[in-house]
C-alpha atoms as a PDB file:
ATOM      1  CA  MET A   1     -24.434  -8.743 -11.444  1.00  0.00           C
ATOM      2  CA  SER A   2     -27.715  -8.046 -13.055  1.00  0.00           C
ATOM      3  CA  LYS A   3     -29.023  -6.750  -9.524  1.00  0.00           C
ATOM      4  CA  LEU A   4     -25.788  -4.618  -8.753  1.00  0.00           C
ATOM      5  CA  PRO A   5     -27.494  -1.214  -9.878  1.00  0.00           C
ATOM      6  CA  THR A   6     -30.434  -2.048  -7.445  1.00  0.00           C
ATOM      7  CA  TYR A   7     -28.007  -2.886  -4.592  1.00  0.00           C
ATOM      8  CA  LEU A   8     -26.029   0.243  -5.146  1.00  0.00           C
ATOM      9  CA  ASP A   9     -28.969   2.404  -5.175  1.00  0.00           C
ATOM     10  CA  ASN A  10     -29.832   0.879  -1.737  1.00  0.00           C
ATOM     11  CA  CYS A  11     -26.410   1.649  -0.531  1.00  0.00           C
ATOM     12  CA  ARG A  12     -26.446   5.321  -1.571  1.00  0.00           C
ATOM     13  CA  GLN A  13     -30.033   5.734  -0.216  1.00  0.00           C
ATOM     14  CA  ALA A  14     -28.950   4.170   3.139  1.00  0.00           C
ATOM     15  CA  GLY A  15     -25.629   6.008   3.216  1.00  0.00           C
ATOM     16  CA  LYS A  16     -23.443   2.702   3.188  1.00  0.00           C
ATOM     17  CA  LEU A  17     -19.929   2.660   2.367  1.00  0.00           C
ATOM     18  CA  TYR A  18     -19.610  -1.121   1.675  1.00  0.00           C
ATOM     19  CA  LEU A  19     -21.458  -3.456  -0.522  1.00  0.00           C
ATOM     20  CA  VAL A  20     -20.471  -6.924   0.822  1.00  0.00           C
ATOM     21  CA  CYS A  21     -20.673  -9.967  -1.772  1.00  0.00           C
ATOM     22  CA  TYR A  22     -20.851 -13.077   0.510  1.00  0.00           C
ATOM     23  CA  TRP A  23     -21.684 -15.616  -2.332  1.00  0.00           C
ATOM     24  CA  PRO A  24     -20.696 -15.043  -5.738  1.00  0.00           C
ATOM     25  CA  TRP A  25     -22.297 -18.132  -7.356  1.00  0.00           C
ATOM     26  CA  PRO A  26     -25.918 -18.805  -8.140  1.00  0.00           C
ATOM     27  CA  ASN A  27     -25.357 -22.530  -6.866  1.00  0.00           C
ATOM     28  CA  SER A  28     -23.703 -24.413  -4.086  1.00  0.00           C
ATOM     29  CA  GLY A  29     -20.166 -23.284  -5.032  1.00  0.00           C
ATOM     30  CA  LYS A  30     -19.069 -26.779  -5.105  1.00  0.00           C
ATOM     31  CA  ASN A  31     -16.711 -28.514  -7.620  1.00  0.00           C
ATOM     32  CA  LYS A  32     -15.333 -24.940  -8.884  1.00  0.00           C
ATOM     33  CA  THR A  33     -12.182 -25.210 -10.665  1.00  0.00           C
ATOM     34  CA  ILE A  34      -9.270 -22.768 -10.338  1.00  0.00           C
ATOM     35  CA  VAL A  35     -10.492 -21.220 -13.820  1.00  0.00           C
ATOM     36  CA  ASP A  36     -13.860 -20.847 -12.043  1.00  0.00           C
ATOM     37  CA  TRP A  37     -12.133 -19.200  -8.994  1.00  0.00           C
ATOM     38  CA  LEU A  38     -10.079 -16.820 -11.547  1.00  0.00           C
ATOM     39  CA  GLU A  39     -13.510 -15.854 -13.252  1.00  0.00           C
ATOM     40  CA  THR A  40     -14.850 -15.082  -9.784  1.00  0.00           C
ATOM     41  CA  ALA A  41     -12.034 -12.541  -9.318  1.00  0.00           C
ATOM     42  CA  SER A  42     -12.745 -11.098 -12.669  1.00  0.00           C
ATOM     43  CA  ARG A  43     -16.267 -10.619 -11.935  1.00  0.00           C
ATOM     44  CA  LEU A  44     -15.451  -9.134  -8.493  1.00  0.00           C
ATOM     45  CA  ASN A  45     -13.140  -6.671 -10.351  1.00  0.00           C
ATOM     46  CA  GLU A  46     -15.859  -5.847 -12.750  1.00  0.00           C
ATOM     47  CA  SER A  47     -18.342  -5.336  -9.887  1.00  0.00           C
ATOM     48  CA  GLY A  48     -15.752  -3.269  -8.003  1.00  0.00           C
ATOM     49  CA  GLU A  49     -15.330  -0.858 -10.740  1.00  0.00           C
ATOM     50  CA  LYS A  50     -19.074  -0.263 -10.810  1.00  0.00           C
ATOM     51  CA  CYS A  51     -19.139   0.021  -7.253  1.00  0.00           C
ATOM     52  CA  ARG A  52     -16.329   2.582  -7.117  1.00  0.00           C
ATOM     53  CA  ALA A  53     -17.950   4.688  -9.809  1.00  0.00           C
ATOM     54  CA  ALA A  54     -21.118   4.816  -7.400  1.00  0.00           C
ATOM     55  CA  ARG A  55     -18.617   5.695  -4.475  1.00  0.00           C
ATOM     56  CA  VAL A  56     -19.368   2.342  -2.772  1.00  0.00           C
ATOM     57  CA  GLN A  57     -16.451  -0.213  -1.641  1.00  0.00           C
ATOM     58  CA  LEU A  58     -16.918  -3.791  -2.797  1.00  0.00           C
ATOM     59  CA  ALA A  59     -16.116  -6.217  -0.041  1.00  0.00           C
ATOM     60  CA  TYR A  60     -15.900  -9.981  -0.536  1.00  0.00           C
ATOM     61  CA  HIS A  61     -16.966 -12.147   2.526  1.00  0.00           C
ATOM     62  CA  ASN A  62     -15.330 -15.613   2.738  1.00  0.00           C
ATOM     63  CA  HIS A  63     -16.859 -18.707   3.929  1.00  0.00           C
ATOM     64  CA  ASP A  64     -14.956 -22.145   4.160  1.00  0.00           C
ATOM     65  CA  ILE A  65     -15.347 -23.090   0.690  1.00  0.00           C
ATOM     66  CA  GLU A  66     -12.433 -20.518  -0.396  1.00  0.00           C
ATOM     67  CA  PHE A  67      -9.910 -22.803   1.750  1.00  0.00           C
ATOM     68  CA  VAL A  68     -10.909 -26.285   0.230  1.00  0.00           C
ATOM     69  CA  GLU A  69      -7.841 -27.382  -1.690  1.00  0.00           C
ATOM     70  CA  THR A  70      -8.730 -27.107  -5.490  1.00  0.00           C
ATOM     71  CA  GLU A  71      -6.146 -28.419  -8.173  1.00  0.00           C
ATOM     72  CA  GLY A  72      -3.221 -28.081  -5.693  1.00  0.00           C
ATOM     73  CA  GLN A  73      -4.325 -24.623  -4.680  1.00  0.00           C
ATOM     74  CA  ILE A  74      -6.169 -22.796  -2.004  1.00  0.00           C
ATOM     75  CA  PRO A  75      -8.876 -20.684  -3.963  1.00  0.00           C
ATOM     76  CA  TYR A  76      -8.655 -17.712  -1.606  1.00  0.00           C
ATOM     77  CA  ASP A  77      -5.082 -17.601  -2.439  1.00  0.00           C
ATOM     78  CA  VAL A  78      -6.201 -17.223  -6.117  1.00  0.00           C
ATOM     79  CA  VAL A  79      -8.944 -14.766  -5.699  1.00  0.00           C
ATOM     80  CA  VAL A  80      -7.091 -12.222  -3.332  1.00  0.00           C
ATOM     81  CA  PRO A  81      -4.278 -11.621  -5.448  1.00  0.00           C
ATOM     82  CA  HIS A  82      -6.269 -11.438  -8.753  1.00  0.00           C
ATOM     83  CA  THR A  83      -8.469  -8.631  -7.462  1.00  0.00           C
ATOM     84  CA  TYR A  84      -7.566  -5.084  -7.522  1.00  0.00           C
ATOM     85  CA  PRO A  85      -7.100  -3.430  -4.081  1.00  0.00           C
ATOM     86  CA  ARG A  86      -8.580  -0.188  -5.227  1.00  0.00           C
ATOM     87  CA  LEU A  87     -11.529  -2.235  -6.328  1.00  0.00           C
ATOM     88  CA  VAL A  88     -12.123  -4.961  -4.022  1.00  0.00           C
ATOM     89  CA  THR A  89     -11.590  -5.340  -0.399  1.00  0.00           C
ATOM     90  CA  PHE A  90     -12.157  -8.129   1.801  1.00  0.00           C
ATOM     91  CA  GLN A  91     -14.369  -8.923   4.878  1.00  0.00           C
ATOM     92  CA  MET A  92     -12.225 -11.842   6.537  1.00  0.00           C
ATOM     93  CA  ASP A  93     -14.931 -14.044   8.348  1.00  0.00           C
ATOM     94  CA  ILE A  94     -12.330 -15.235  10.891  1.00  0.00           C
ATOM     95  CA  TRP A  95     -14.515 -18.407  12.133  1.00  0.00           C
ATOM     96  CA  TRP A  96     -14.919 -19.681   8.521  1.00  0.00           C
ATOM     97  CA  VAL A  97     -11.096 -19.102   7.662  1.00  0.00           C
ATOM     98  CA  ALA A  98     -10.390 -21.351  10.833  1.00  0.00           C
ATOM     99  CA  LYS A  99     -13.116 -23.777  10.002  1.00  0.00           C
ATOM    100  CA  GLY A 100     -11.914 -24.128   6.415  1.00  0.00           C
ATOM    101  CA  GLY A 101      -8.414 -25.376   8.089  1.00  0.00           C
ATOM    102  CA  GLN A 102      -6.492 -22.505   7.771  1.00  0.00           C
ATOM    103  CA  ASN A 103      -4.885 -19.771  10.056  1.00  0.00           C
ATOM    104  CA  PRO A 104      -6.420 -16.281   9.837  1.00  0.00           C
ATOM    105  CA  LEU A 105      -3.017 -14.756  10.761  1.00  0.00           C
ATOM    106  CA  ARG A 106      -1.354 -16.090   7.571  1.00  0.00           C
ATOM    107  CA  TYR A 107      -3.841 -14.189   5.532  1.00  0.00           C
ATOM    108  CA  VAL A 108      -3.283 -11.080   7.576  1.00  0.00           C
ATOM    109  CA  GLU A 109       0.590 -11.441   7.072  1.00  0.00           C
ATOM    110  CA  THR A 110       0.379 -12.656   3.430  1.00  0.00           C
ATOM    111  CA  TYR A 111      -2.106  -9.926   2.455  1.00  0.00           C
ATOM    112  CA  PRO A 112      -1.880  -6.782   4.501  1.00  0.00           C
ATOM    113  CA  GLY A 113      -3.965  -4.039   3.885  1.00  0.00           C
ATOM    114  CA  ARG A 114      -6.688  -6.147   1.911  1.00  0.00           C
ATOM    115  CA  PHE A 115      -8.937  -6.439   4.854  1.00  0.00           C
ATOM    116  CA  SER A 116     -11.122  -3.540   5.536  1.00  0.00           C
ATOM    117  CA  LEU A 117     -13.628  -5.496   7.488  1.00  0.00           C
ATOM    118  CA  CYS A 118     -13.678  -8.580   9.301  1.00  0.00           C
ATOM    119  CA  HIS A 119     -16.694 -10.792  10.654  1.00  0.00           C
ATOM    120  CA  VAL A 120     -16.440 -12.288  14.228  1.00  0.00           C
ATOM    121  CA  LYS A 121     -19.014 -14.923  14.668  1.00  0.00           C
ATOM    122  CA  THR A 122     -19.517 -17.014  17.747  1.00  0.00           C
ATOM    123  CA  ALA A 123     -20.847 -20.138  15.958  1.00  0.00           C
ATOM    124  CA  GLU A 124     -20.551 -23.490  17.925  1.00  0.00           C
ATOM    125  CA  VAL A 125     -19.547 -21.742  21.225  1.00  0.00           C
ATOM    126  CA  VAL A 126     -22.708 -21.519  23.169  1.00  0.00           C
ATOM    127  CA  GLY A 127     -21.752 -21.272  26.764  1.00  0.00           C
ATOM    128  CA  ALA A 128     -18.094 -21.283  26.004  1.00  0.00           C
ATOM    129  CA  THR A 129     -15.644 -18.548  26.536  1.00  0.00           C
ATOM    130  CA  THR A 130     -12.938 -19.786  24.034  1.00  0.00           C
ATOM    131  CA  ASN A 131     -13.643 -20.897  20.539  1.00  0.00           C
ATOM    132  CA  PRO A 132     -13.615 -24.490  19.565  1.00  0.00           C
ATOM    133  CA  VAL A 133     -11.924 -23.932  16.214  1.00  0.00           C
ATOM    134  CA  GLY A 134      -9.073 -22.599  18.047  1.00  0.00           C
ATOM    135  CA  VAL A 135      -9.080 -18.942  17.106  1.00  0.00           C
ATOM    136  CA  ASP A 136      -7.568 -16.207  19.215  1.00  0.00           C
ATOM    137  CA  TYR A 137      -9.902 -13.557  18.134  1.00  0.00           C
ATOM    138  CA  PRO A 138      -8.282 -10.981  20.233  1.00  0.00           C
ATOM    139  CA  GLU A 139      -4.873 -11.552  18.327  1.00  0.00           C
ATOM    140  CA  VAL A 140      -6.366 -11.771  14.780  1.00  0.00           C
ATOM    141  CA  VAL A 141      -8.379  -8.627  15.279  1.00  0.00           C
ATOM    142  CA  ALA A 142      -5.230  -6.694  16.688  1.00  0.00           C
ATOM    143  CA  ARG A 143      -3.257  -7.761  13.741  1.00  0.00           C
ATOM    144  CA  LEU A 144      -5.851  -6.978  11.412  1.00  0.00           C
ATOM    145  CA  ARG A 145      -6.334  -3.519  12.953  1.00  0.00           C
ATOM    146  CA  LYS A 146      -2.368  -3.050  12.456  1.00  0.00           C
ATOM    147  CA  ALA A 147      -2.898  -4.181   8.771  1.00  0.00           C
ATOM    148  CA  GLY A 148      -5.621  -1.572   7.832  1.00  0.00           C
ATOM    149  CA  LEU A 149      -8.894  -3.046   9.341  1.00  0.00           C
ATOM    150  CA  GLN A 150     -11.573  -0.377   9.452  1.00  0.00           C
ATOM    151  CA  HIS A 151     -14.550  -2.150  10.821  1.00  0.00           C
ATOM    152  CA  CYS A 152     -15.432  -5.431  12.744  1.00  0.00           C
ATOM    153  CA  VAL A 153     -18.973  -7.014  12.510  1.00  0.00           C
ATOM    154  CA  VAL A 154     -19.867  -9.056  15.467  1.00  0.00           C
ATOM    155  CA  GLU A 155     -22.546 -11.639  14.767  1.00  0.00           C
ATOM    156  CA  ASN A 156     -24.128 -13.099  17.929  1.00  0.00           C
ATOM    157  CA  GLU A 157     -25.262 -16.657  17.674  1.00  0.00           C
ATOM    158  CA  LYS A 158     -28.345 -17.614  19.577  1.00  0.00           C
ATOM    159  CA  GLY A 159     -27.419 -18.386  23.169  1.00  0.00           C
ATOM    160  CA  ILE A 160     -24.225 -16.259  23.527  1.00  0.00           C
ATOM    161  CA  ALA A 161     -24.677 -13.615  26.451  1.00  0.00           C
ATOM    162  CA  SER A 162     -21.896 -11.517  25.286  1.00  0.00           C
ATOM    163  CA  PRO A 163     -20.123 -12.101  21.941  1.00  0.00           C
ATOM    164  CA  PHE A 164     -17.645  -9.398  22.681  1.00  0.00           C
ATOM    165  CA  VAL A 165     -15.847 -11.998  24.883  1.00  0.00           C
ATOM    166  CA  PHE A 166     -14.031 -12.873  21.634  1.00  0.00           C
ATOM    167  CA  LEU A 167     -12.766  -9.560  20.778  1.00  0.00           C
END
């Protein structure tokens, strides 16, 4: 959080609407407890309050670590309900949800309105027209749009001629 004022200045200067937190720890993020995840949600709320004051929306970007069962719970199911919608939105990285063994559609249905952004990546699909983690990107993106999605970020991995085939 010590760099947050600098990030907010950069956002303001560039006219950005969102500041995306893609890794909330100074380490690998492994071996986190549910208490650690609750503290992460609290820090996101604190940062979200500062972002809101600067007229920038804080968004949290997931990876697969949020979907590794911890103490009988899925950390993402701890973080999302413990953040305030007015302070923290989410950028669902659809591929990482599936890579983490979860169904992205479950999160759209469970937490409608919480995903202003989504991230579509084409990892491990060089030369393919379907995604090996089994994601039906058009269906997930369509459902996200119905649930309030504002922006979709497409990350093109090396070797993919047209990443939009997954939308």
